[in-house]
Amino acid sequence: MIAGELSEEIRARADSLQVADTTQATLATAGVSAGLTAPADGALGKESETGQLGLVVGLVLLLVLAYAAPIMIGIASPIHLLIAAFALYEAWKLNKGGEPRVTGPYRAAPSAAPA
């Protein structure tokens, strides 16, 4: 849902920029000045940097929400929290591994008899 909303917002922003450019071009050909000015070269770079920063902040926020979601659900439904805790405990037991044992060097092939 979040990705869908973000893509719709990006499409809406692109559409509004296209309409603004079309309106400005139409007014310029008609010889009317509506106070719309083309952005300076630096303004486009700042918008791009702001967009990239917004993307990074959004991804971090999404990651935090993903980690916090089970706890937030567990507050509303404690049985869900108990089930998730039991599942994590069982997964930990299965994946904790064992202590490696080294029993000595072995020869890969028998040595040749001296002639």
PDB file of N, CA and C in Angstrom:
ATOM      1  N   MET A   1       0.823  -1.183   0.000  1.00  0.00           N
ATOM      2  CA  MET A   1       0.000   0.000   0.000  1.00  0.00           C
ATOM      3  C   MET A   1       0.874   1.256   0.000  1.00  0.00           C
ATOM      4  N   ILE A   2       1.943   1.223   0.775  1.00  0.00           N
ATOM      5  CA  ILE A   2       2.815   2.396   0.867  1.00  0.00           C
ATOM      6  C   ILE A   2       3.476   2.662  -0.478  1.00  0.00           C
ATOM      7  N   ALA A   3       3.968   1.594  -1.114  1.00  0.00           N
ATOM      8  CA  ALA A   3       4.619   1.765  -2.419  1.00  0.00           C
ATOM      9  C   ALA A   3       3.635   2.288  -3.458  1.00  0.00           C
ATOM     10  N   GLY A   4       2.389   1.816  -3.400  1.00  0.00           N
ATOM     11  CA  GLY A   4       1.368   2.293  -4.337  1.00  0.00           C
ATOM     12  C   GLY A   4       1.083   3.767  -4.157  1.00  0.00           C
ATOM     13  N   GLU A   5       0.971   4.200  -2.907  1.00  0.00           N
ATOM     14  CA  GLU A   5       0.725   5.611  -2.640  1.00  0.00           C
ATOM     15  C   GLU A   5       1.900   6.479  -3.072  1.00  0.00           C
ATOM     16  N   LEU A   6       3.123   5.989  -2.834  1.00  0.00           N
ATOM     17  CA  LEU A   6       4.294   6.761  -3.253  1.00  0.00           C
ATOM     18  C   LEU A   6       4.356   6.895  -4.768  1.00  0.00           C
ATOM     19  N   SER A   7       4.037   5.819  -5.492  1.00  0.00           N
ATOM     20  CA  SER A   7       4.074   5.911  -6.954  1.00  0.00           C
ATOM     21  C   SER A   7       2.986   6.842  -7.476  1.00  0.00           C
ATOM     22  N   GLU A   8       1.812   6.847  -6.844  1.00  0.00           N
ATOM     23  CA  GLU A   8       0.763   7.775  -7.256  1.00  0.00           C
ATOM     24  C   GLU A   8       1.185   9.226  -7.000  1.00  0.00           C
ATOM     25  N   GLU A   9       1.864   9.462  -5.870  1.00  0.00           N
ATOM     26  CA  GLU A   9       2.325  10.818  -5.566  1.00  0.00           C
ATOM     27  C   GLU A   9       3.370  11.278  -6.577  1.00  0.00           C
ATOM     28  N   ILE A  10       4.261  10.374  -6.957  1.00  0.00           N
ATOM     29  CA  ILE A  10       5.287  10.728  -7.947  1.00  0.00           C
ATOM     30  C   ILE A  10       4.641  11.030  -9.290  1.00  0.00           C
ATOM     31  N   ARG A  11       3.637  10.204  -9.692  1.00  0.00           N
ATOM     32  CA  ARG A  11       2.937  10.464 -10.950  1.00  0.00           C
ATOM     33  C   ARG A  11       2.203  11.799 -10.907  1.00  0.00           C
ATOM     34  N   ALA A  12       1.569  12.110  -9.781  1.00  0.00           N
ATOM     35  CA  ALA A  12       0.845  13.373  -9.658  1.00  0.00           C
ATOM     36  C   ALA A  12       1.808  14.558  -9.746  1.00  0.00           C
ATOM     37  N   ARG A  13       2.970  14.430  -9.128  1.00  0.00           N
ATOM     38  CA  ARG A  13       3.956  15.516  -9.182  1.00  0.00           C
ATOM     39  C   ARG A  13       4.442  15.710 -10.620  1.00  0.00           C
ATOM     40  N   ALA A  14       4.696  14.602 -11.326  1.00  0.00           N
ATOM     41  CA  ALA A  14       5.145  14.700 -12.712  1.00  0.00           C
ATOM     42  C   ALA A  14       4.066  15.327 -13.582  1.00  0.00           C
ATOM     43  N   ASP A  15       2.804  14.939 -13.355  1.00  0.00           N
ATOM     44  CA  ASP A  15       1.699  15.522 -14.121  1.00  0.00           C
ATOM     45  C   ASP A  15       1.574  17.016 -13.863  1.00  0.00           C
ATOM     46  N   SER A  16       1.716  17.432 -12.599  1.00  0.00           N
ATOM     47  CA  SER A  16       1.581  18.857 -12.283  1.00  0.00           C
ATOM     48  C   SER A  16       2.729  19.660 -12.886  1.00  0.00           C
ATOM     49  N   LEU A  17       3.944  19.088 -12.917  1.00  0.00           N
ATOM     50  CA  LEU A  17       5.063  19.784 -13.552  1.00  0.00           C
ATOM     51  C   LEU A  17       4.841  19.907 -15.053  1.00  0.00           C
ATOM     52  N   GLN A  18       4.279  18.870 -15.667  1.00  0.00           N
ATOM     53  CA  GLN A  18       4.004  18.909 -17.103  1.00  0.00           C
ATOM     54  C   GLN A  18       2.944  19.957 -17.411  1.00  0.00           C
ATOM     55  N   VAL A  19       1.903  20.047 -16.588  1.00  0.00           N
ATOM     56  CA  VAL A  19       0.848  21.043 -16.796  1.00  0.00           C
ATOM     57  C   VAL A  19       1.416  22.450 -16.616  1.00  0.00           C
ATOM     58  N   ALA A  20       2.275  22.635 -15.616  1.00  0.00           N
ATOM     59  CA  ALA A  20       2.876  23.951 -15.388  1.00  0.00           C
ATOM     60  C   ALA A  20       3.740  24.361 -16.574  1.00  0.00           C
ATOM     61  N   ASP A  21       4.520  23.426 -17.130  1.00  0.00           N
ATOM     62  CA  ASP A  21       5.351  23.726 -18.290  1.00  0.00           C
ATOM     63  C   ASP A  21       4.494  24.059 -19.504  1.00  0.00           C
ATOM     64  N   THR A  22       3.410  23.303 -19.708  1.00  0.00           N
ATOM     65  CA  THR A  22       2.519  23.547 -20.838  1.00  0.00           C
ATOM     66  C   THR A  22       1.848  24.912 -20.695  1.00  0.00           C
ATOM     67  N   THR A  23       1.398  25.244 -19.491  1.00  0.00           N
ATOM     68  CA  THR A  23       0.752  26.532 -19.240  1.00  0.00           C
ATOM     69  C   THR A  23       1.723  27.675 -19.477  1.00  0.00           C
ATOM     70  N   GLN A  24       2.934  27.516 -18.999  1.00  0.00           N
ATOM     71  CA  GLN A  24       3.933  28.572 -19.183  1.00  0.00           C
ATOM     72  C   GLN A  24       4.249  28.753 -20.667  1.00  0.00           C
ATOM     73  N   ALA A  25       4.370  27.664 -21.404  1.00  0.00           N
ATOM     74  CA  ALA A  25       4.656  27.765 -22.838  1.00  0.00           C
ATOM     75  C   ALA A  25       3.499  28.417 -23.577  1.00  0.00           C
ATOM     76  N   THR A  26       2.258  28.088 -23.201  1.00  0.00           N
ATOM     77  CA  THR A  26       1.085  28.677 -23.840  1.00  0.00           C
ATOM     78  C   THR A  26       1.026  30.173 -23.573  1.00  0.00           C
ATOM     79  N   LEU A  27       1.282  30.563 -22.333  1.00  0.00           N
ATOM     80  CA  LEU A  27       1.255  31.988 -21.984  1.00  0.00           C
ATOM     81  C   LEU A  27       2.385  32.738 -22.668  1.00  0.00           C
ATOM     82  N   ALA A  28       3.522  32.096 -22.816  1.00  0.00           N
ATOM     83  CA  ALA A  28       4.656  32.764 -23.463  1.00  0.00           C
ATOM     84  C   ALA A  28       4.379  32.994 -24.936  1.00  0.00           C
ATOM     85  N   THR A  29       3.727  32.046 -25.597  1.00  0.00           N
ATOM     86  CA  THR A  29       3.414  32.234 -27.018  1.00  0.00           C
ATOM     87  C   THR A  29       2.317  33.269 -27.202  1.00  0.00           C
ATOM     88  N   ALA A  30       1.447  33.422 -26.199  1.00  0.00           N
ATOM     89  CA  ALA A  30       0.380  34.425 -26.287  1.00  0.00           C
ATOM     90  C   ALA A  30       0.893  35.806 -25.896  1.00  0.00           C
ATOM     91  N   GLY A  31       2.106  35.876 -25.334  1.00  0.00           N
ATOM     92  CA  GLY A  31       2.672  37.157 -24.947  1.00  0.00           C
ATOM     93  C   GLY A  31       2.173  37.632 -23.594  1.00  0.00           C
ATOM     94  N   VAL A  32       1.646  36.740 -22.793  1.00  0.00           N
ATOM     95  CA  VAL A  32       1.124  37.107 -21.473  1.00  0.00           C
ATOM     96  C   VAL A  32       2.107  36.599 -20.431  1.00  0.00           C
ATOM     97  N   SER A  33       2.397  37.433 -19.459  1.00  0.00           N
ATOM     98  CA  SER A  33       3.261  37.018 -18.367  1.00  0.00           C
ATOM     99  C   SER A  33       2.405  36.796 -17.137  1.00  0.00           C
ATOM    100  N   ALA A  34       2.381  35.575 -16.646  1.00  0.00           N
ATOM    101  CA  ALA A  34       1.555  35.250 -15.477  1.00  0.00           C
ATOM    102  C   ALA A  34       2.395  35.126 -14.222  1.00  0.00           C
ATOM    103  N   GLY A  35       3.623  35.553 -14.277  1.00  0.00           N
ATOM    104  CA  GLY A  35       4.473  35.460 -13.103  1.00  0.00           C
ATOM    105  C   GLY A  35       5.120  34.084 -12.970  1.00  0.00           C
ATOM    106  N   LEU A  36       4.912  33.213 -13.949  1.00  0.00           N
ATOM    107  CA  LEU A  36       5.546  31.907 -13.914  1.00  0.00           C
ATOM    108  C   LEU A  36       6.922  32.045 -14.522  1.00  0.00           C
ATOM    109  N   THR A  37       7.915  31.645 -13.800  1.00  0.00           N
ATOM    110  CA  THR A  37       9.281  31.728 -14.299  1.00  0.00           C
ATOM    111  C   THR A  37       9.893  30.346 -14.294  1.00  0.00           C
ATOM    112  N   ALA A  38      10.801  30.141 -15.194  1.00  0.00           N
ATOM    113  CA  ALA A  38      11.503  28.856 -15.247  1.00  0.00           C
ATOM    114  C   ALA A  38      12.455  28.788 -14.067  1.00  0.00           C
ATOM    115  N   PRO A  39      12.577  27.641 -13.434  1.00  0.00           N
ATOM    116  CA  PRO A  39      13.490  27.531 -12.313  1.00  0.00           C
ATOM    117  C   PRO A  39      14.933  27.650 -12.769  1.00  0.00           C
ATOM    118  N   ALA A  40      15.750  28.176 -11.876  1.00  0.00           N
ATOM    119  CA  ALA A  40      17.169  28.302 -12.181  1.00  0.00           C
ATOM    120  C   ALA A  40      17.795  26.918 -12.208  1.00  0.00           C
ATOM    121  N   ASP A  41      18.969  26.815 -12.801  1.00  0.00           N
ATOM    122  CA  ASP A  41      19.634  25.521 -12.894  1.00  0.00           C
ATOM    123  C   ASP A  41      19.884  24.922 -11.515  1.00  0.00           C
ATOM    124  N   GLY A  42      20.232  25.735 -10.536  1.00  0.00           N
ATOM    125  CA  GLY A  42      20.488  25.248  -9.184  1.00  0.00           C
ATOM    126  C   GLY A  42      19.237  24.716  -8.523  1.00  0.00           C
ATOM    127  N   ALA A  43      18.068  25.260  -8.888  1.00  0.00           N
ATOM    128  CA  ALA A  43      16.826  24.817  -8.252  1.00  0.00           C
ATOM    129  C   ALA A  43      16.502  23.386  -8.636  1.00  0.00           C
ATOM    130  N   LEU A  44      16.793  23.000  -9.868  1.00  0.00           N
ATOM    131  CA  LEU A  44      16.526  21.624 -10.275  1.00  0.00           C
ATOM    132  C   LEU A  44      17.408  20.649  -9.516  1.00  0.00           C
ATOM    133  N   GLY A  45      18.652  21.002  -9.288  1.00  0.00           N
ATOM    134  CA  GLY A  45      19.558  20.145  -8.530  1.00  0.00           C
ATOM    135  C   GLY A  45      19.112  19.988  -7.095  1.00  0.00           C
ATOM    136  N   LYS A  46      18.630  21.085  -6.484  1.00  0.00           N
ATOM    137  CA  LYS A  46      18.163  21.009  -5.096  1.00  0.00           C
ATOM    138  C   LYS A  46      16.924  20.133  -4.996  1.00  0.00           C
ATOM    139  N   GLU A  47      16.036  20.233  -5.991  1.00  0.00           N
ATOM    140  CA  GLU A  47      14.828  19.395  -5.964  1.00  0.00           C
ATOM    141  C   GLU A  47      15.220  17.931  -6.062  1.00  0.00           C
ATOM    142  N   SER A  48      16.216  17.624  -6.881  1.00  0.00           N
ATOM    143  CA  SER A  48      16.680  16.249  -7.022  1.00  0.00           C
ATOM    144  C   SER A  48      17.307  15.756  -5.731  1.00  0.00           C
ATOM    145  N   GLU A  49      18.127  16.608  -5.085  1.00  0.00           N
ATOM    146  CA  GLU A  49      18.742  16.235  -3.814  1.00  0.00           C
ATOM    147  C   GLU A  49      17.677  16.034  -2.751  1.00  0.00           C
ATOM    148  N   THR A  50      16.672  16.902  -2.732  1.00  0.00           N
ATOM    149  CA  THR A  50      15.587  16.778  -1.760  1.00  0.00           C
ATOM    150  C   THR A  50      14.823  15.494  -2.013  1.00  0.00           C
ATOM    151  N   GLY A  51      14.604  15.147  -3.258  1.00  0.00           N
ATOM    152  CA  GLY A  51      13.915  13.905  -3.594  1.00  0.00           C
ATOM    153  C   GLY A  51      14.704  12.687  -3.143  1.00  0.00           C
ATOM    154  N   GLN A  52      16.015  12.718  -3.322  1.00  0.00           N
ATOM    155  CA  GLN A  52      16.850  11.601  -2.897  1.00  0.00           C
ATOM    156  C   GLN A  52      16.885  11.500  -1.375  1.00  0.00           C
ATOM    157  N   LEU A  53      16.974  12.627  -0.704  1.00  0.00           N
ATOM    158  CA  LEU A  53      16.958  12.634   0.762  1.00  0.00           C
ATOM    159  C   LEU A  53      15.620  12.124   1.272  1.00  0.00           C
ATOM    160  N   GLY A  54      14.546  12.535   0.626  1.00  0.00           N
ATOM    161  CA  GLY A  54      13.225  12.065   1.010  1.00  0.00           C
ATOM    162  C   GLY A  54      13.093  10.559   0.822  1.00  0.00           C
ATOM    163  N   LEU A  55      13.681  10.048  -0.245  1.00  0.00           N
ATOM    164  CA  LEU A  55      13.646   8.614  -0.494  1.00  0.00           C
ATOM    165  C   LEU A  55      14.392   7.853   0.600  1.00  0.00           C
ATOM    166  N   VAL A  56      15.578   8.343   0.977  1.00  0.00           N
ATOM    167  CA  VAL A  56      16.364   7.688   2.024  1.00  0.00           C
ATOM    168  C   VAL A  56      15.617   7.733   3.356  1.00  0.00           C
ATOM    169  N   VAL A  57      15.066   8.895   3.691  1.00  0.00           N
ATOM    170  CA  VAL A  57      14.316   9.024   4.941  1.00  0.00           C
ATOM    171  C   VAL A  57      13.096   8.103   4.925  1.00  0.00           C
ATOM    172  N   GLY A  58      12.424   8.015   3.792  1.00  0.00           N
ATOM    173  CA  GLY A  58      11.265   7.135   3.671  1.00  0.00           C
ATOM    174  C   GLY A  58      11.628   5.676   3.845  1.00  0.00           C
ATOM    175  N   LEU A  59      12.749   5.253   3.258  1.00  0.00           N
ATOM    176  CA  LEU A  59      13.184   3.866   3.399  1.00  0.00           C
ATOM    177  C   LEU A  59      13.567   3.536   4.840  1.00  0.00           C
ATOM    178  N   VAL A  60      14.240   4.470   5.507  1.00  0.00           N
ATOM    179  CA  VAL A  60      14.591   4.255   6.917  1.00  0.00           C
ATOM    180  C   VAL A  60      13.331   4.163   7.762  1.00  0.00           C
ATOM    181  N   LEU A  61      12.375   5.040   7.504  1.00  0.00           N
ATOM    182  CA  LEU A  61      11.109   5.009   8.233  1.00  0.00           C
ATOM    183  C   LEU A  61      10.368   3.700   7.997  1.00  0.00           C
ATOM    184  N   LEU A  62      10.395   3.210   6.770  1.00  0.00           N
ATOM    185  CA  LEU A  62       9.754   1.942   6.443  1.00  0.00           C
ATOM    186  C   LEU A  62      10.426   0.778   7.162  1.00  0.00           C
ATOM    187  N   LEU A  63      11.753   0.813   7.264  1.00  0.00           N
ATOM    188  CA  LEU A  63      12.491  -0.219   7.977  1.00  0.00           C
ATOM    189  C   LEU A  63      12.154  -0.208   9.462  1.00  0.00           C
ATOM    190  N   VAL A  64      12.094   0.975  10.048  1.00  0.00           N
ATOM    191  CA  VAL A  64      11.727   1.096  11.465  1.00  0.00           C
ATOM    192  C   VAL A  64      10.311   0.586  11.693  1.00  0.00           C
ATOM    193  N   LEU A  65       9.409   0.912  10.791  1.00  0.00           N
ATOM    194  CA  LEU A  65       8.031   0.444  10.911  1.00  0.00           C
ATOM    195  C   LEU A  65       7.966  -1.082  10.794  1.00  0.00           C
ATOM    196  N   ALA A  66       8.774  -1.664   9.918  1.00  0.00           N
ATOM    197  CA  ALA A  66       8.782  -3.117   9.759  1.00  0.00           C
ATOM    198  C   ALA A  66       9.256  -3.810  11.034  1.00  0.00           C
ATOM    199  N   TYR A  67      10.254  -3.244  11.707  1.00  0.00           N
ATOM    200  CA  TYR A  67      10.734  -3.833  12.951  1.00  0.00           C
ATOM    201  C   TYR A  67       9.757  -3.591  14.108  1.00  0.00           C
ATOM    202  N   ALA A  68       9.058  -2.480  14.096  1.00  0.00           N
ATOM    203  CA  ALA A  68       8.159  -2.146  15.191  1.00  0.00           C
ATOM    204  C   ALA A  68       6.776  -2.768  15.045  1.00  0.00           C
ATOM    205  N   ALA A  69       6.406  -3.204  13.846  1.00  0.00           N
ATOM    206  CA  ALA A  69       5.055  -3.718  13.601  1.00  0.00           C
ATOM    207  C   ALA A  69       4.679  -4.898  14.496  1.00  0.00           C
ATOM    208  N   PRO A  70       5.528  -5.909  14.678  1.00  0.00           N
ATOM    209  CA  PRO A  70       5.118  -7.009  15.552  1.00  0.00           C
ATOM    210  C   PRO A  70       4.858  -6.566  16.994  1.00  0.00           C
ATOM    211  N   ILE A  71       5.637  -5.621  17.480  1.00  0.00           N
ATOM    212  CA  ILE A  71       5.434  -5.132  18.843  1.00  0.00           C
ATOM    213  C   ILE A  71       4.136  -4.337  18.925  1.00  0.00           C
ATOM    214  N   MET A  72       3.882  -3.502  17.914  1.00  0.00           N
ATOM    215  CA  MET A  72       2.642  -2.715  17.919  1.00  0.00           C
ATOM    216  C   MET A  72       1.419  -3.625  17.825  1.00  0.00           C
ATOM    217  N   ILE A  73       1.511  -4.691  17.034  1.00  0.00           N
ATOM    218  CA  ILE A  73       0.406  -5.640  16.942  1.00  0.00           C
ATOM    219  C   ILE A  73       0.269  -6.402  18.252  1.00  0.00           C
ATOM    220  N   GLY A  74       1.408  -6.733  18.875  1.00  0.00           N
ATOM    221  CA  GLY A  74       1.395  -7.464  20.136  1.00  0.00           C
ATOM    222  C   GLY A  74       0.746  -6.690  21.267  1.00  0.00           C
ATOM    223  N   ILE A  75       0.826  -5.371  21.217  1.00  0.00           N
ATOM    224  CA  ILE A  75       0.168  -4.553  22.243  1.00  0.00           C
ATOM    225  C   ILE A  75      -1.339  -4.697  22.116  1.00  0.00           C
ATOM    226  N   ALA A  76      -1.831  -4.724  20.883  1.00  0.00           N
ATOM    227  CA  ALA A  76      -3.271  -4.852  20.666  1.00  0.00           C
ATOM    228  C   ALA A  76      -3.741  -6.294  20.847  1.00  0.00           C
ATOM    229  N   SER A  77      -2.880  -7.258  20.539  1.00  0.00           N
ATOM    230  CA  SER A  77      -3.250  -8.668  20.627  1.00  0.00           C
ATOM    231  C   SER A  77      -2.108  -9.431  21.301  1.00  0.00           C
ATOM    232  N   PRO A  78      -2.143  -9.568  22.624  1.00  0.00           N
ATOM    233  CA  PRO A  78      -1.029 -10.211  23.332  1.00  0.00           C
ATOM    234  C   PRO A  78      -0.772 -11.660  22.916  1.00  0.00           C
ATOM    235  N   ILE A  79      -1.787 -12.390  22.502  1.00  0.00           N
ATOM    236  CA  ILE A  79      -1.575 -13.775  22.091  1.00  0.00           C
ATOM    237  C   ILE A  79      -0.693 -13.841  20.842  1.00  0.00           C
ATOM    238  N   HIS A  80      -0.821 -12.849  19.964  1.00  0.00           N
ATOM    239  CA  HIS A  80       0.038 -12.787  18.777  1.00  0.00           C
ATOM    240  C   HIS A  80       1.491 -12.598  19.193  1.00  0.00           C
ATOM    241  N   LEU A  81       1.721 -11.769  20.184  1.00  0.00           N
ATOM    242  CA  LEU A  81       3.078 -11.529  20.672  1.00  0.00           C
ATOM    243  C   LEU A  81       3.666 -12.812  21.266  1.00  0.00           C
ATOM    244  N   LEU A  82       2.871 -13.585  21.990  1.00  0.00           N
ATOM    245  CA  LEU A  82       3.344 -14.849  22.548  1.00  0.00           C
ATOM    246  C   LEU A  82       3.682 -15.856  21.450  1.00  0.00           C
ATOM    247  N   ILE A  83       2.853 -15.925  20.420  1.00  0.00           N
ATOM    248  CA  ILE A  83       3.116 -16.839  19.305  1.00  0.00           C
ATOM    249  C   ILE A  83       4.406 -16.443  18.588  1.00  0.00           C
ATOM    250  N   ALA A  84       4.593 -15.158  18.333  1.00  0.00           N
ATOM    251  CA  ALA A  84       5.803 -14.683  17.657  1.00  0.00           C
ATOM    252  C   ALA A  84       7.041 -14.950  18.521  1.00  0.00           C
ATOM    253  N   ALA A  85       6.936 -14.753  19.831  1.00  0.00           N
ATOM    254  CA  ALA A  85       8.067 -15.002  20.732  1.00  0.00           C
ATOM    255  C   ALA A  85       8.425 -16.483  20.735  1.00  0.00           C
ATOM    256  N   PHE A  86       7.420 -17.355  20.784  1.00  0.00           N
ATOM    257  CA  PHE A  86       7.676 -18.798  20.759  1.00  0.00           C
ATOM    258  C   PHE A  86       8.333 -19.204  19.436  1.00  0.00           C
ATOM    259  N   ALA A  87       7.866 -18.651  18.327  1.00  0.00           N
ATOM    260  CA  ALA A  87       8.440 -18.964  17.017  1.00  0.00           C
ATOM    261  C   ALA A  87       9.896 -18.514  16.938  1.00  0.00           C
ATOM    262  N   LEU A  88      10.198 -17.335  17.454  1.00  0.00           N
ATOM    263  CA  LEU A  88      11.582 -16.849  17.441  1.00  0.00           C
ATOM    264  C   LEU A  88      12.479 -17.716  18.315  1.00  0.00           C
ATOM    265  N   TYR A  89      11.966 -18.167  19.462  1.00  0.00           N
ATOM    266  CA  TYR A  89      12.741 -19.028  20.350  1.00  0.00           C
ATOM    267  C   TYR A  89      13.052 -20.356  19.667  1.00  0.00           C
ATOM    268  N   GLU A  90      12.070 -20.957  19.032  1.00  0.00           N
ATOM    269  CA  GLU A  90      12.283 -22.225  18.340  1.00  0.00           C
ATOM    270  C   GLU A  90      13.266 -22.059  17.183  1.00  0.00           C
ATOM    271  N   ALA A  91      13.152 -20.984  16.441  1.00  0.00           N
ATOM    272  CA  ALA A  91      14.088 -20.725  15.341  1.00  0.00           C
ATOM    273  C   ALA A  91      15.503 -20.543  15.870  1.00  0.00           C
ATOM    274  N   TRP A  92      15.641 -19.868  17.007  1.00  0.00           N
ATOM    275  CA  TRP A  92      16.959 -19.669  17.605  1.00  0.00           C
ATOM    276  C   TRP A  92      17.559 -21.006  18.022  1.00  0.00           C
ATOM    277  N   LYS A  93      16.746 -21.888  18.612  1.00  0.00           N
ATOM    278  CA  LYS A  93      17.246 -23.198  19.028  1.00  0.00           C
ATOM    279  C   LYS A  93      17.722 -24.006  17.823  1.00  0.00           C
ATOM    280  N   LEU A  94      16.983 -23.942  16.736  1.00  0.00           N
ATOM    281  CA  LEU A  94      17.363 -24.710  15.552  1.00  0.00           C
ATOM    282  C   LEU A  94      18.635 -24.171  14.894  1.00  0.00           C
ATOM    283  N   ASN A  95      18.852 -22.877  14.969  1.00  0.00           N
ATOM    284  CA  ASN A  95      19.944 -22.249  14.221  1.00  0.00           C
ATOM    285  C   ASN A  95      21.151 -21.870  15.065  1.00  0.00           C
ATOM    286  N   LYS A  96      21.153 -22.196  16.354  1.00  0.00           N
ATOM    287  CA  LYS A  96      22.275 -21.745  17.172  1.00  0.00           C
ATOM    288  C   LYS A  96      23.570 -22.472  16.851  1.00  0.00           C
ATOM    289  N   GLY A  97      23.481 -23.649  16.265  1.00  0.00           N
ATOM    290  CA  GLY A  97      24.680 -24.359  15.832  1.00  0.00           C
ATOM    291  C   GLY A  97      25.333 -25.102  16.977  1.00  0.00           C
ATOM    292  N   GLY A  98      26.300 -25.894  16.638  1.00  0.00           N
ATOM    293  CA  GLY A  98      27.023 -26.670  17.638  1.00  0.00           C
ATOM    294  C   GLY A  98      28.468 -26.241  17.705  1.00  0.00           C
ATOM    295  N   GLU A  99      29.154 -26.814  18.667  1.00  0.00           N
ATOM    296  CA  GLU A  99      30.571 -26.493  18.826  1.00  0.00           C
ATOM    297  C   GLU A  99      31.367 -27.333  17.839  1.00  0.00           C
ATOM    298  N   PRO A 100      32.192 -26.712  17.011  1.00  0.00           N
ATOM    299  CA  PRO A 100      32.957 -27.501  16.031  1.00  0.00           C
ATOM    300  C   PRO A 100      34.046 -28.328  16.726  1.00  0.00           C
ATOM    301  N   ARG A 101      34.201 -29.582  16.313  1.00  0.00           N
ATOM    302  CA  ARG A 101      35.232 -30.455  16.868  1.00  0.00           C
ATOM    303  C   ARG A 101      36.213 -30.817  15.760  1.00  0.00           C
ATOM    304  N   VAL A 102      37.474 -30.626  16.032  1.00  0.00           N
ATOM    305  CA  VAL A 102      38.524 -30.995  15.091  1.00  0.00           C
ATOM    306  C   VAL A 102      39.238 -32.194  15.692  1.00  0.00           C
ATOM    307  N   THR A 103      39.252 -33.321  15.006  1.00  0.00           N
ATOM    308  CA  THR A 103      39.822 -34.543  15.575  1.00  0.00           C
ATOM    309  C   THR A 103      41.201 -34.886  15.026  1.00  0.00           C
ATOM    310  N   GLY A 104      41.776 -34.018  14.271  1.00  0.00           N
ATOM    311  CA  GLY A 104      43.159 -34.263  13.861  1.00  0.00           C
ATOM    312  C   GLY A 104      43.373 -34.200  12.383  1.00  0.00           C
ATOM    313  N   PRO A 105      44.618 -34.108  12.002  1.00  0.00           N
ATOM    314  CA  PRO A 105      44.908 -34.082  10.567  1.00  0.00           C
ATOM    315  C   PRO A 105      44.767 -35.485   9.967  1.00  0.00           C
ATOM    316  N   TYR A 106      44.189 -35.564   8.836  1.00  0.00           N
ATOM    317  CA  TYR A 106      44.034 -36.825   8.122  1.00  0.00           C
ATOM    318  C   TYR A 106      44.782 -36.735   6.797  1.00  0.00           C
ATOM    319  N   ARG A 107      45.278 -37.847   6.346  1.00  0.00           N
ATOM    320  CA  ARG A 107      45.965 -37.872   5.058  1.00  0.00           C
ATOM    321  C   ARG A 107      44.931 -38.059   3.966  1.00  0.00           C
ATOM    322  N   ALA A 108      45.100 -37.296   2.894  1.00  0.00           N
ATOM    323  CA  ALA A 108      44.187 -37.386   1.778  1.00  0.00           C
ATOM    324  C   ALA A 108      44.411 -38.648   0.968  1.00  0.00           C
ATOM    325  N   ALA A 109      45.660 -39.089   0.872  1.00  0.00           N
ATOM    326  CA  ALA A 109      46.001 -40.303   0.113  1.00  0.00           C
ATOM    327  C   ALA A 109      47.141 -41.016   0.853  1.00  0.00           C
ATOM    328  N   PRO A 110      47.186 -42.324   0.741  1.00  0.00           N
ATOM    329  CA  PRO A 110      48.312 -43.025   1.419  1.00  0.00           C
ATOM    330  C   PRO A 110      49.628 -42.622   0.771  1.00  0.00           C
ATOM    331  N   SER A 111      50.675 -42.615   1.580  1.00  0.00           N
ATOM    332  CA  SER A 111      51.978 -42.233   1.049  1.00  0.00           C
ATOM    333  C   SER A 111      52.557 -43.388   0.211  1.00  0.00           C
ATOM    334  N   ALA A 112      53.351 -43.042  -0.758  1.00  0.00           N
ATOM    335  CA  ALA A 112      53.971 -44.056  -1.625  1.00  0.00           C
ATOM    336  C   ALA A 112      55.061 -44.772  -0.863  1.00  0.00           C
ATOM    337  N   ALA A 113      55.200 -46.072  -1.100  1.00  0.00           N
ATOM    338  CA  ALA A 113      56.231 -46.877  -0.406  1.00  0.00           C
ATOM    339  C   ALA A 113      57.600 -46.522  -0.975  1.00  0.00           C
ATOM    340  N   PRO A 114      58.623 -46.410  -0.130  1.00  0.00           N
ATOM    341  CA  PRO A 114      59.965 -46.103  -0.648  1.00  0.00           C
ATOM    342  C   PRO A 114      60.514 -47.291  -1.454  1.00  0.00           C
ATOM    343  N   ALA A 115      61.248 -46.984  -2.477  1.00  0.00           N
ATOM    344  CA  ALA A 115      61.757 -48.032  -3.365  1.00  0.00           C
ATOM    345  C   ALA A 115      63.116 -48.499  -3.008  1.00  0.00           C
TER     346      ALA A 115
END
